[in-house]
Amino acid sequence: MTTLRALIAAGLVVGMFGWAVAKLPAPPPMDDKAKAAAEEKKAKDAAAAEAAKAAQARAEDRVAARYIAEQKAKGVNVTPQMGPSSSPLVASPPSNRPSSKPEKQEAHGQPGTVR
């Protein structure tokens, strides 16, 4: 019963003050100075976003390089798998001499890795 009274009271309040909600007028058109300021802000925001993106990429590269170095110290060979837009951290030059043994490929990862 109390819930019903509360709902009725809320309905009355919304019904009485619902007409007070109005549409705001459109903002006035920007003058040349405001347009220039908006373009400058847009350029600064784009530069800041690009700097943040570059800083993130550098941090990821540092973490990956540290991980690879730690795994190398343990004797585990880590081959980074990168996306299509990434550049490799360390690229080894391809050798032109044929190997005497065919390379063994593991289906589920590198030998010696701990899961």
PDB file of N, CA and C in Angstrom:
ATOM      1  N   MET A   1       0.817  -1.184   0.000  1.00  0.00           N
ATOM      2  CA  MET A   1       0.000   0.000   0.000  1.00  0.00           C
ATOM      3  C   MET A   1       0.875   1.268   0.000  1.00  0.00           C
ATOM      4  N   THR A   2       1.951   1.220   0.763  1.00  0.00           N
ATOM      5  CA  THR A   2       2.853   2.372   0.820  1.00  0.00           C
ATOM      6  C   THR A   2       3.534   2.566  -0.529  1.00  0.00           C
ATOM      7  N   THR A   3       3.880   1.485  -1.202  1.00  0.00           N
ATOM      8  CA  THR A   3       4.524   1.569  -2.508  1.00  0.00           C
ATOM      9  C   THR A   3       3.572   2.188  -3.531  1.00  0.00           C
ATOM     10  N   LEU A   4       2.301   1.822  -3.445  1.00  0.00           N
ATOM     11  CA  LEU A   4       1.307   2.386  -4.344  1.00  0.00           C
ATOM     12  C   LEU A   4       1.173   3.883  -4.132  1.00  0.00           C
ATOM     13  N   ARG A   5       1.175   4.324  -2.887  1.00  0.00           N
ATOM     14  CA  ARG A   5       1.085   5.766  -2.582  1.00  0.00           C
ATOM     15  C   ARG A   5       2.318   6.507  -3.107  1.00  0.00           C
ATOM     16  N   ALA A   6       3.477   5.892  -2.960  1.00  0.00           N
ATOM     17  CA  ALA A   6       4.705   6.523  -3.438  1.00  0.00           C
ATOM     18  C   ALA A   6       4.681   6.655  -4.961  1.00  0.00           C
ATOM     19  N   LEU A   7       4.188   5.631  -5.646  1.00  0.00           N
ATOM     20  CA  LEU A   7       4.103   5.689  -7.102  1.00  0.00           C
ATOM     21  C   LEU A   7       3.117   6.755  -7.569  1.00  0.00           C
ATOM     22  N   ILE A   8       1.998   6.860  -6.879  1.00  0.00           N
ATOM     23  CA  ILE A   8       1.008   7.884  -7.229  1.00  0.00           C
ATOM     24  C   ILE A   8       1.582   9.274  -7.006  1.00  0.00           C
ATOM     25  N   ALA A   9       2.289   9.470  -5.880  1.00  0.00           N
ATOM     26  CA  ALA A   9       2.900  10.773  -5.588  1.00  0.00           C
ATOM     27  C   ALA A   9       3.948  11.119  -6.643  1.00  0.00           C
ATOM     28  N   ALA A  10       4.753  10.144  -7.028  1.00  0.00           N
ATOM     29  CA  ALA A  10       5.777  10.394  -8.049  1.00  0.00           C
ATOM     30  C   ALA A  10       5.132  10.730  -9.382  1.00  0.00           C
ATOM     31  N   GLY A  11       4.043  10.051  -9.707  1.00  0.00           N
ATOM     32  CA  GLY A  11       3.327  10.346 -10.944  1.00  0.00           C
ATOM     33  C   GLY A  11       2.753  11.745 -10.954  1.00  0.00           C
ATOM     34  N   LEU A  12       2.222  12.188  -9.822  1.00  0.00           N
ATOM     35  CA  LEU A  12       1.686  13.548  -9.733  1.00  0.00           C
ATOM     36  C   LEU A  12       2.786  14.597  -9.888  1.00  0.00           C
ATOM     37  N   VAL A  13       3.910  14.357  -9.246  1.00  0.00           N
ATOM     38  CA  VAL A  13       5.021  15.315  -9.336  1.00  0.00           C
ATOM     39  C   VAL A  13       5.503  15.419 -10.786  1.00  0.00           C
ATOM     40  N   VAL A  14       5.660  14.285 -11.438  1.00  0.00           N
ATOM     41  CA  VAL A  14       6.118  14.300 -12.831  1.00  0.00           C
ATOM     42  C   VAL A  14       5.055  14.947 -13.719  1.00  0.00           C
ATOM     43  N   GLY A  15       3.794  14.659 -13.444  1.00  0.00           N
ATOM     44  CA  GLY A  15       2.720  15.232 -14.247  1.00  0.00           C
ATOM     45  C   GLY A  15       2.629  16.742 -14.105  1.00  0.00           C
ATOM     46  N   MET A  16       2.849  17.254 -12.902  1.00  0.00           N
ATOM     47  CA  MET A  16       2.732  18.698 -12.673  1.00  0.00           C
ATOM     48  C   MET A  16       3.933  19.453 -13.221  1.00  0.00           C
ATOM     49  N   PHE A  17       5.141  18.867 -13.071  1.00  0.00           N
ATOM     50  CA  PHE A  17       6.337  19.594 -13.485  1.00  0.00           C
ATOM     51  C   PHE A  17       6.886  19.125 -14.824  1.00  0.00           C
ATOM     52  N   GLY A  18       6.239  18.194 -15.446  1.00  0.00           N
ATOM     53  CA  GLY A  18       6.692  17.706 -16.737  1.00  0.00           C
ATOM     54  C   GLY A  18       6.604  18.758 -17.825  1.00  0.00           C
ATOM     55  N   TRP A  19       5.694  19.673 -17.708  1.00  0.00           N
ATOM     56  CA  TRP A  19       5.544  20.713 -18.717  1.00  0.00           C
ATOM     57  C   TRP A  19       6.677  21.718 -18.674  1.00  0.00           C
ATOM     58  N   ALA A  20       7.457  21.756 -17.568  1.00  0.00           N
ATOM     59  CA  ALA A  20       8.535  22.726 -17.413  1.00  0.00           C
ATOM     60  C   ALA A  20       9.770  22.363 -18.250  1.00  0.00           C
ATOM     61  N   VAL A  21       9.842  21.157 -18.741  1.00  0.00           N
ATOM     62  CA  VAL A  21      10.982  20.750 -19.555  1.00  0.00           C
ATOM     63  C   VAL A  21      10.823  21.376 -20.935  1.00  0.00           C
ATOM     64  N   ALA A  22      11.831  22.118 -21.341  1.00  0.00           N
ATOM     65  CA  ALA A  22      11.749  22.819 -22.617  1.00  0.00           C
ATOM     66  C   ALA A  22      12.984  22.517 -23.451  1.00  0.00           C
ATOM     67  N   LYS A  23      12.891  22.766 -24.720  1.00  0.00           N
ATOM     68  CA  LYS A  23      14.008  22.571 -25.630  1.00  0.00           C
ATOM     69  C   LYS A  23      14.909  23.799 -25.563  1.00  0.00           C
ATOM     70  N   LEU A  24      16.206  23.571 -25.434  1.00  0.00           N
ATOM     71  CA  LEU A  24      17.148  24.678 -25.376  1.00  0.00           C
ATOM     72  C   LEU A  24      17.352  25.262 -26.766  1.00  0.00           C
ATOM     73  N   PRO A  25      17.576  26.567 -26.837  1.00  0.00           N
ATOM     74  CA  PRO A  25      17.814  27.172 -28.156  1.00  0.00           C
ATOM     75  C   PRO A  25      19.179  26.744 -28.704  1.00  0.00           C
ATOM     76  N   ALA A  26      19.321  26.790 -30.002  1.00  0.00           N
ATOM     77  CA  ALA A  26      20.584  26.432 -30.644  1.00  0.00           C
ATOM     78  C   ALA A  26      21.650  27.461 -30.272  1.00  0.00           C
ATOM     79  N   PRO A  27      22.892  27.032 -30.144  1.00  0.00           N
ATOM     80  CA  PRO A  27      23.958  27.989 -29.815  1.00  0.00           C
ATOM     81  C   PRO A  27      24.154  28.961 -30.974  1.00  0.00           C
ATOM     82  N   PRO A  28      24.591  30.177 -30.652  1.00  0.00           N
ATOM     83  CA  PRO A  28      24.827  31.157 -31.723  1.00  0.00           C
ATOM     84  C   PRO A  28      25.979  30.695 -32.615  1.00  0.00           C
ATOM     85  N   PRO A  29      26.002  31.120 -33.863  1.00  0.00           N
ATOM     86  CA  PRO A  29      27.089  30.717 -34.762  1.00  0.00           C
ATOM     87  C   PRO A  29      28.428  31.267 -34.269  1.00  0.00           C
ATOM     88  N   MET A  30      29.486  30.516 -34.542  1.00  0.00           N
ATOM     89  CA  MET A  30      30.810  30.928 -34.064  1.00  0.00           C
ATOM     90  C   MET A  30      31.398  31.980 -34.999  1.00  0.00           C
ATOM     91  N   ASP A  31      32.102  32.920 -34.386  1.00  0.00           N
ATOM     92  CA  ASP A  31      32.801  33.921 -35.195  1.00  0.00           C
ATOM     93  C   ASP A  31      34.186  33.364 -35.569  1.00  0.00           C
ATOM     94  N   ASP A  32      34.952  34.159 -36.304  1.00  0.00           N
ATOM     95  CA  ASP A  32      36.249  33.687 -36.786  1.00  0.00           C
ATOM     96  C   ASP A  32      37.211  33.370 -35.641  1.00  0.00           C
ATOM     97  N   LYS A  33      37.174  34.177 -34.584  1.00  0.00           N
ATOM     98  CA  LYS A  33      38.064  33.964 -33.455  1.00  0.00           C
ATOM     99  C   LYS A  33      37.730  32.644 -32.756  1.00  0.00           C
ATOM    100  N   ALA A  34      36.449  32.359 -32.578  1.00  0.00           N
ATOM    101  CA  ALA A  34      36.034  31.116 -31.934  1.00  0.00           C
ATOM    102  C   ALA A  34      36.367  29.908 -32.805  1.00  0.00           C
ATOM    103  N   LYS A  35      36.212  30.073 -34.125  1.00  0.00           N
ATOM    104  CA  LYS A  35      36.557  28.983 -35.033  1.00  0.00           C
ATOM    105  C   LYS A  35      38.050  28.684 -34.972  1.00  0.00           C
ATOM    106  N   ALA A  36      38.870  29.733 -34.928  1.00  0.00           N
ATOM    107  CA  ALA A  36      40.322  29.555 -34.846  1.00  0.00           C
ATOM    108  C   ALA A  36      40.700  28.874 -33.538  1.00  0.00           C
ATOM    109  N   ALA A  37      40.046  29.279 -32.451  1.00  0.00           N
ATOM    110  CA  ALA A  37      40.324  28.664 -31.154  1.00  0.00           C
ATOM    111  C   ALA A  37      39.919  27.189 -31.156  1.00  0.00           C
ATOM    112  N   ALA A  38      38.802  26.880 -31.782  1.00  0.00           N
ATOM    113  CA  ALA A  38      38.342  25.497 -31.850  1.00  0.00           C
ATOM    114  C   ALA A  38      39.307  24.647 -32.682  1.00  0.00           C
ATOM    115  N   GLU A  39      39.793  25.180 -33.790  1.00  0.00           N
ATOM    116  CA  GLU A  39      40.755  24.454 -34.622  1.00  0.00           C
ATOM    117  C   GLU A  39      42.067  24.242 -33.871  1.00  0.00           C
ATOM    118  N   GLU A  40      42.507  25.260 -33.125  1.00  0.00           N
ATOM    119  CA  GLU A  40      43.738  25.137 -32.347  1.00  0.00           C
ATOM    120  C   GLU A  40      43.595  24.063 -31.272  1.00  0.00           C
ATOM    121  N   LYS A  41      42.430  24.056 -30.606  1.00  0.00           N
ATOM    122  CA  LYS A  41      42.179  23.048 -29.572  1.00  0.00           C
ATOM    123  C   LYS A  41      42.139  21.657 -30.185  1.00  0.00           C
ATOM    124  N   LYS A  42      41.535  21.544 -31.342  1.00  0.00           N
ATOM    125  CA  LYS A  42      41.456  20.257 -32.033  1.00  0.00           C
ATOM    126  C   LYS A  42      42.863  19.766 -32.393  1.00  0.00           C
ATOM    127  N   ALA A  43      43.725  20.677 -32.868  1.00  0.00           N
ATOM    128  CA  ALA A  43      45.092  20.311 -33.229  1.00  0.00           C
ATOM    129  C   ALA A  43      45.889  19.896 -31.989  1.00  0.00           C
ATOM    130  N   LYS A  44      45.709  20.631 -30.887  1.00  0.00           N
ATOM    131  CA  LYS A  44      46.411  20.282 -29.651  1.00  0.00           C
ATOM    132  C   LYS A  44      45.954  18.928 -29.135  1.00  0.00           C
ATOM    133  N   ASP A  45      44.662  18.671 -29.189  1.00  0.00           N
ATOM    134  CA  ASP A  45      44.136  17.384 -28.732  1.00  0.00           C
ATOM    135  C   ASP A  45      44.673  16.243 -29.590  1.00  0.00           C
ATOM    136  N   ALA A  46      44.758  16.457 -30.901  1.00  0.00           N
ATOM    137  CA  ALA A  46      45.289  15.430 -31.792  1.00  0.00           C
ATOM    138  C   ALA A  46      46.771  15.175 -31.501  1.00  0.00           C
ATOM    139  N   ALA A  47      47.531  16.240 -31.251  1.00  0.00           N
ATOM    140  CA  ALA A  47      48.951  16.084 -30.944  1.00  0.00           C
ATOM    141  C   ALA A  47      49.136  15.357 -29.615  1.00  0.00           C
ATOM    142  N   ALA A  48      48.303  15.681 -28.626  1.00  0.00           N
ATOM    143  CA  ALA A  48      48.387  15.016 -27.331  1.00  0.00           C
ATOM    144  C   ALA A  48      48.025  13.536 -27.456  1.00  0.00           C
ATOM    145  N   ALA A  49      47.018  13.235 -28.266  1.00  0.00           N
ATOM    146  CA  ALA A  49      46.633  11.841 -28.466  1.00  0.00           C
ATOM    147  C   ALA A  49      47.747  11.070 -29.163  1.00  0.00           C
ATOM    148  N   GLU A  50      48.383  11.686 -30.141  1.00  0.00           N
ATOM    149  CA  GLU A  50      49.486  11.039 -30.854  1.00  0.00           C
ATOM    150  C   GLU A  50      50.667  10.813 -29.918  1.00  0.00           C
ATOM    151  N   ALA A  51      50.971  11.788 -29.048  1.00  0.00           N
ATOM    152  CA  ALA A  51      52.065  11.637 -28.092  1.00  0.00           C
ATOM    153  C   ALA A  51      51.751  10.521 -27.096  1.00  0.00           C
ATOM    154  N   ALA A  52      50.516  10.440 -26.655  1.00  0.00           N
ATOM    155  CA  ALA A  52      50.120   9.378 -25.722  1.00  0.00           C
ATOM    156  C   ALA A  52      50.223   8.008 -26.392  1.00  0.00           C
ATOM    157  N   LYS A  53      49.836   7.945 -27.650  1.00  0.00           N
ATOM    158  CA  LYS A  53      49.922   6.691 -28.399  1.00  0.00           C
ATOM    159  C   LYS A  53      51.381   6.263 -28.548  1.00  0.00           C
ATOM    160  N   ALA A  54      52.261   7.207 -28.844  1.00  0.00           N
ATOM    161  CA  ALA A  54      53.678   6.901 -28.989  1.00  0.00           C
ATOM    162  C   ALA A  54      54.281   6.462 -27.656  1.00  0.00           C
ATOM    163  N   ALA A  55      53.899   7.129 -26.563  1.00  0.00           N
ATOM    164  CA  ALA A  55      54.392   6.752 -25.244  1.00  0.00           C
ATOM    165  C   ALA A  55      53.928   5.348 -24.873  1.00  0.00           C
ATOM    166  N   GLN A  56      52.689   5.016 -25.212  1.00  0.00           N
ATOM    167  CA  GLN A  56      52.165   3.676 -24.944  1.00  0.00           C
ATOM    168  C   GLN A  56      52.946   2.634 -25.735  1.00  0.00           C
ATOM    169  N   ALA A  57      53.233   2.927 -26.989  1.00  0.00           N
ATOM    170  CA  ALA A  57      53.986   1.988 -27.827  1.00  0.00           C
ATOM    171  C   ALA A  57      55.398   1.787 -27.277  1.00  0.00           C
ATOM    172  N   ARG A  58      56.056   2.882 -26.829  1.00  0.00           N
ATOM    173  CA  ARG A  58      57.397   2.762 -26.255  1.00  0.00           C
ATOM    174  C   ARG A  58      57.365   1.910 -24.989  1.00  0.00           C
ATOM    175  N   ALA A  59      56.352   2.123 -24.144  1.00  0.00           N
ATOM    176  CA  ALA A  59      56.241   1.350 -22.910  1.00  0.00           C
ATOM    177  C   ALA A  59      56.030  -0.130 -23.219  1.00  0.00           C
ATOM    178  N   GLU A  60      55.179  -0.423 -24.198  1.00  0.00           N
ATOM    179  CA  GLU A  60      54.947  -1.818 -24.578  1.00  0.00           C
ATOM    180  C   GLU A  60      56.226  -2.446 -25.126  1.00  0.00           C
ATOM    181  N   ASP A  61      56.989  -1.694 -25.911  1.00  0.00           N
ATOM    182  CA  ASP A  61      58.243  -2.211 -26.453  1.00  0.00           C
ATOM    183  C   ASP A  61      59.248  -2.505 -25.338  1.00  0.00           C
ATOM    184  N   ARG A  62      59.321  -1.604 -24.337  1.00  0.00           N
ATOM    185  CA  ARG A  62      60.225  -1.826 -23.208  1.00  0.00           C
ATOM    186  C   ARG A  62      59.844  -3.093 -22.447  1.00  0.00           C
ATOM    187  N   VAL A  63      58.553  -3.265 -22.193  1.00  0.00           N
ATOM    188  CA  VAL A  63      58.095  -4.447 -21.457  1.00  0.00           C
ATOM    189  C   VAL A  63      58.397  -5.715 -22.249  1.00  0.00           C
ATOM    190  N   ALA A  64      58.123  -5.690 -23.537  1.00  0.00           N
ATOM    191  CA  ALA A  64      58.374  -6.863 -24.374  1.00  0.00           C
ATOM    192  C   ALA A  64      59.866  -7.180 -24.422  1.00  0.00           C
ATOM    193  N   ALA A  65      60.708  -6.166 -24.574  1.00  0.00           N
ATOM    194  CA  ALA A  65      62.152  -6.384 -24.630  1.00  0.00           C
ATOM    195  C   ALA A  65      62.665  -6.951 -23.310  1.00  0.00           C
ATOM    196  N   ARG A  66      62.144  -6.459 -22.200  1.00  0.00           N
ATOM    197  CA  ARG A  66      62.563  -6.963 -20.894  1.00  0.00           C
ATOM    198  C   ARG A  66      62.143  -8.420 -20.723  1.00  0.00           C
ATOM    199  N   TYR A  67      60.911  -8.730 -21.127  1.00  0.00           N
ATOM    200  CA  TYR A  67      60.428 -10.103 -21.020  1.00  0.00           C
ATOM    201  C   TYR A  67      61.282 -11.041 -21.865  1.00  0.00           C
ATOM    202  N   ILE A  68      61.579 -10.641 -23.093  1.00  0.00           N
ATOM    203  CA  ILE A  68      62.388 -11.477 -23.981  1.00  0.00           C
ATOM    204  C   ILE A  68      63.773 -11.678 -23.396  1.00  0.00           C
ATOM    205  N   ALA A  69      64.378 -10.616 -22.821  1.00  0.00           N
ATOM    206  CA  ALA A  69      65.700 -10.726 -22.214  1.00  0.00           C
ATOM    207  C   ALA A  69      65.669 -11.656 -21.005  1.00  0.00           C
ATOM    208  N   GLU A  70      64.631 -11.559 -20.178  1.00  0.00           N
ATOM    209  CA  GLU A  70      64.517 -12.434 -19.012  1.00  0.00           C
ATOM    210  C   GLU A  70      64.363 -13.893 -19.439  1.00  0.00           C
ATOM    211  N   GLN A  71      63.554 -14.133 -20.457  1.00  0.00           N
ATOM    212  CA  GLN A  71      63.362 -15.500 -20.925  1.00  0.00           C
ATOM    213  C   GLN A  71      64.640 -16.041 -21.571  1.00  0.00           C
ATOM    214  N   LYS A  72      65.373 -15.174 -22.266  1.00  0.00           N
ATOM    215  CA  LYS A  72      66.624 -15.586 -22.895  1.00  0.00           C
ATOM    216  C   LYS A  72      67.640 -15.975 -21.824  1.00  0.00           C
ATOM    217  N   ALA A  73      67.650 -15.212 -20.701  1.00  0.00           N
ATOM    218  CA  ALA A  73      68.557 -15.532 -19.603  1.00  0.00           C
ATOM    219  C   ALA A  73      68.220 -16.885 -18.990  1.00  0.00           C
ATOM    220  N   LYS A  74      66.961 -17.279 -19.038  1.00  0.00           N
ATOM    221  CA  LYS A  74      66.540 -18.583 -18.515  1.00  0.00           C
ATOM    222  C   LYS A  74      66.792 -19.701 -19.528  1.00  0.00           C
ATOM    223  N   GLY A  75      67.149 -19.325 -20.743  1.00  0.00           N
ATOM    224  CA  GLY A  75      67.403 -20.316 -21.776  1.00  0.00           C
ATOM    225  C   GLY A  75      66.189 -20.648 -22.617  1.00  0.00           C
ATOM    226  N   VAL A  76      65.146 -19.825 -22.534  1.00  0.00           N
ATOM    227  CA  VAL A  76      63.927 -20.065 -23.299  1.00  0.00           C
ATOM    228  C   VAL A  76      63.931 -19.131 -24.500  1.00  0.00           C
ATOM    229  N   ASN A  77      63.717 -19.700 -25.670  1.00  0.00           N
ATOM    230  CA  ASN A  77      63.679 -18.896 -26.887  1.00  0.00           C
ATOM    231  C   ASN A  77      62.262 -18.374 -27.086  1.00  0.00           C
ATOM    232  N   VAL A  78      62.098 -17.062 -27.058  1.00  0.00           N
ATOM    233  CA  VAL A  78      60.786 -16.439 -27.217  1.00  0.00           C
ATOM    234  C   VAL A  78      60.731 -15.766 -28.573  1.00  0.00           C
ATOM    235  N   THR A  79      59.706 -16.082 -29.332  1.00  0.00           N
ATOM    236  CA  THR A  79      59.490 -15.445 -30.624  1.00  0.00           C
ATOM    237  C   THR A  79      58.243 -14.582 -30.503  1.00  0.00           C
ATOM    238  N   PRO A  80      58.392 -13.271 -30.527  1.00  0.00           N
ATOM    239  CA  PRO A  80      57.208 -12.419 -30.382  1.00  0.00           C
ATOM    240  C   PRO A  80      56.292 -12.542 -31.589  1.00  0.00           C
ATOM    241  N   GLN A  81      55.003 -12.633 -31.305  1.00  0.00           N
ATOM    242  CA  GLN A  81      54.003 -12.653 -32.367  1.00  0.00           C
ATOM    243  C   GLN A  81      53.354 -11.286 -32.392  1.00  0.00           C
ATOM    244  N   MET A  82      53.459 -10.613 -33.516  1.00  0.00           N
ATOM    245  CA  MET A  82      52.987  -9.242 -33.594  1.00  0.00           C
ATOM    246  C   MET A  82      51.845  -9.116 -34.572  1.00  0.00           C
ATOM    247  N   GLY A  83      51.093  -8.051 -34.379  1.00  0.00           N
ATOM    248  CA  GLY A  83      49.979  -7.773 -35.260  1.00  0.00           C
ATOM    249  C   GLY A  83      50.450  -7.244 -36.596  1.00  0.00           C
ATOM    250  N   PRO A  84      49.523  -6.983 -37.507  1.00  0.00           N
ATOM    251  CA  PRO A  84      49.907  -6.540 -38.841  1.00  0.00           C
ATOM    252  C   PRO A  84      50.543  -5.156 -38.883  1.00  0.00           C
ATOM    253  N   SER A  85      50.266  -4.306 -37.890  1.00  0.00           N
ATOM    254  CA  SER A  85      50.796  -2.945 -37.932  1.00  0.00           C
ATOM    255  C   SER A  85      52.042  -2.778 -37.081  1.00  0.00           C
ATOM    256  N   SER A  86      52.468  -3.819 -36.383  1.00  0.00           N
ATOM    257  CA  SER A  86      53.621  -3.727 -35.502  1.00  0.00           C
ATOM    258  C   SER A  86      54.906  -3.970 -36.269  1.00  0.00           C
ATOM    259  N   SER A  87      55.973  -3.395 -35.754  1.00  0.00           N
ATOM    260  CA  SER A  87      57.282  -3.662 -36.321  1.00  0.00           C
ATOM    261  C   SER A  87      58.022  -4.568 -35.345  1.00  0.00           C
ATOM    262  N   PRO A  88      58.863  -5.462 -35.819  1.00  0.00           N
ATOM    263  CA  PRO A  88      59.540  -6.393 -34.921  1.00  0.00           C
ATOM    264  C   PRO A  88      60.524  -5.677 -34.003  1.00  0.00           C
ATOM    265  N   LEU A  89      60.685  -6.211 -32.794  1.00  0.00           N
ATOM    266  CA  LEU A  89      61.623  -5.632 -31.840  1.00  0.00           C
ATOM    267  C   LEU A  89      63.053  -5.894 -32.277  1.00  0.00           C
ATOM    268  N   VAL A  90      63.378  -7.164 -32.463  1.00  0.00           N
ATOM    269  CA  VAL A  90      64.719  -7.552 -32.867  1.00  0.00           C
ATOM    270  C   VAL A  90      64.578  -8.467 -34.071  1.00  0.00           C
ATOM    271  N   ALA A  91      65.146  -8.050 -35.170  1.00  0.00           N
ATOM    272  CA  ALA A  91      65.061  -8.862 -36.382  1.00  0.00           C
ATOM    273  C   ALA A  91      66.420  -9.479 -36.628  1.00  0.00           C
ATOM    274  N   SER A  92      66.451 -10.786 -36.753  1.00  0.00           N
ATOM    275  CA  SER A  92      67.708 -11.446 -37.062  1.00  0.00           C
ATOM    276  C   SER A  92      67.806 -11.583 -38.577  1.00  0.00           C
ATOM    277  N   PRO A  93      68.988 -11.366 -39.128  1.00  0.00           N
ATOM    278  CA  PRO A  93      69.125 -11.479 -40.580  1.00  0.00           C
ATOM    279  C   PRO A  93      68.958 -12.931 -40.999  1.00  0.00           C
ATOM    280  N   PRO A  94      68.296 -13.160 -42.120  1.00  0.00           N
ATOM    281  CA  PRO A  94      68.107 -14.540 -42.572  1.00  0.00           C
ATOM    282  C   PRO A  94      69.428 -15.136 -43.039  1.00  0.00           C
ATOM    283  N   SER A  95      69.630 -16.373 -42.710  1.00  0.00           N
ATOM    284  CA  SER A  95      70.870 -17.025 -43.148  1.00  0.00           C
ATOM    285  C   SER A  95      70.623 -17.690 -44.496  1.00  0.00           C
ATOM    286  N   ASN A  96      71.594 -17.589 -45.375  1.00  0.00           N
ATOM    287  CA  ASN A  96      71.471 -18.151 -46.716  1.00  0.00           C
ATOM    288  C   ASN A  96      71.988 -19.575 -46.801  1.00  0.00           C
ATOM    289  N   ARG A  97      72.665 -20.049 -45.763  1.00  0.00           N
ATOM    290  CA  ARG A  97      73.203 -21.398 -45.836  1.00  0.00           C
ATOM    291  C   ARG A  97      72.122 -22.401 -45.447  1.00  0.00           C
ATOM    292  N   PRO A  98      72.063 -23.484 -46.148  1.00  0.00           N
ATOM    293  CA  PRO A  98      71.047 -24.500 -45.820  1.00  0.00           C
ATOM    294  C   PRO A  98      71.418 -25.230 -44.537  1.00  0.00           C
ATOM    295  N   SER A  99      70.436 -25.540 -43.769  1.00  0.00           N
ATOM    296  CA  SER A  99      70.693 -26.262 -42.528  1.00  0.00           C
ATOM    297  C   SER A  99      70.739 -27.748 -42.823  1.00  0.00           C
ATOM    298  N   SER A 100      71.525 -28.466 -42.036  1.00  0.00           N
ATOM    299  CA  SER A 100      71.650 -29.898 -42.252  1.00  0.00           C
ATOM    300  C   SER A 100      70.432 -30.650 -41.720  1.00  0.00           C
ATOM    301  N   LYS A 101      69.778 -30.090 -40.707  1.00  0.00           N
ATOM    302  CA  LYS A 101      68.587 -30.725 -40.152  1.00  0.00           C
ATOM    303  C   LYS A 101      67.371 -29.869 -40.465  1.00  0.00           C
ATOM    304  N   PRO A 102      66.257 -30.500 -40.789  1.00  0.00           N
ATOM    305  CA  PRO A 102      65.034 -29.698 -40.957  1.00  0.00           C
ATOM    306  C   PRO A 102      64.576 -29.206 -39.582  1.00  0.00           C
ATOM    307  N   GLU A 103      64.043 -28.002 -39.560  1.00  0.00           N
ATOM    308  CA  GLU A 103      63.598 -27.442 -38.289  1.00  0.00           C
ATOM    309  C   GLU A 103      62.323 -28.128 -37.840  1.00  0.00           C
ATOM    310  N   LYS A 104      62.273 -28.416 -36.562  1.00  0.00           N
ATOM    311  CA  LYS A 104      61.101 -29.060 -35.985  1.00  0.00           C
ATOM    312  C   LYS A 104      60.149 -27.970 -35.526  1.00  0.00           C
ATOM    313  N   GLN A 105      58.896 -28.086 -35.907  1.00  0.00           N
ATOM    314  CA  GLN A 105      57.907 -27.097 -35.504  1.00  0.00           C
ATOM    315  C   GLN A 105      56.976 -27.725 -34.490  1.00  0.00           C
ATOM    316  N   GLU A 106      56.786 -27.022 -33.408  1.00  0.00           N
ATOM    317  CA  GLU A 106      55.890 -27.480 -32.353  1.00  0.00           C
ATOM    318  C   GLU A 106      54.486 -26.962 -32.634  1.00  0.00           C
ATOM    319  N   ALA A 107      53.500 -27.796 -32.410  1.00  0.00           N
ATOM    320  CA  ALA A 107      52.110 -27.393 -32.650  1.00  0.00           C
ATOM    321  C   ALA A 107      51.570 -26.529 -31.531  1.00  0.00           C
ATOM    322  N   HIS A 108      52.100 -26.697 -30.320  1.00  0.00           N
ATOM    323  CA  HIS A 108      51.520 -25.998 -29.168  1.00  0.00           C
ATOM    324  C   HIS A 108      52.505 -25.077 -28.475  1.00  0.00           C
ATOM    325  N   GLY A 109      53.456 -24.539 -29.151  1.00  0.00           N
ATOM    326  CA  GLY A 109      54.343 -23.559 -28.530  1.00  0.00           C
ATOM    327  C   GLY A 109      55.795 -23.988 -28.622  1.00  0.00           C
ATOM    328  N   GLN A 110      56.632 -23.229 -27.956  1.00  0.00           N
ATOM    329  CA  GLN A 110      58.056 -23.469 -27.971  1.00  0.00           C
ATOM    330  C   GLN A 110      58.410 -24.579 -26.966  1.00  0.00           C
ATOM    331  N   PRO A 111      59.390 -25.408 -27.281  1.00  0.00           N
ATOM    332  CA  PRO A 111      59.801 -26.403 -26.305  1.00  0.00           C
ATOM    333  C   PRO A 111      60.444 -25.711 -25.109  1.00  0.00           C
ATOM    334  N   GLY A 112      60.156 -26.204 -23.953  1.00  0.00           N
ATOM    335  CA  GLY A 112      60.752 -25.646 -22.744  1.00  0.00           C
ATOM    336  C   GLY A 112      59.951 -24.512 -22.141  1.00  0.00           C
ATOM    337  N   THR A 113      58.815 -24.156 -22.705  1.00  0.00           N
ATOM    338  CA  THR A 113      58.022 -23.091 -22.112  1.00  0.00           C
ATOM    339  C   THR A 113      57.159 -23.660 -21.002  1.00  0.00           C
ATOM    340  N   VAL A 114      56.943 -22.883 -20.000  1.00  0.00           N
ATOM    341  CA  VAL A 114      56.135 -23.300 -18.866  1.00  0.00           C
ATOM    342  C   VAL A 114      54.785 -22.666 -18.987  1.00  0.00           C
ATOM    343  N   ARG A 115      53.747 -23.468 -18.844  1.00  0.00           N
ATOM    344  CA  ARG A 115      52.387 -22.943 -18.944  1.00  0.00           C
ATOM    345  C   ARG A 115      51.729 -22.947 -17.614  1.00  0.00           C
TER     346      ARG A 115
END
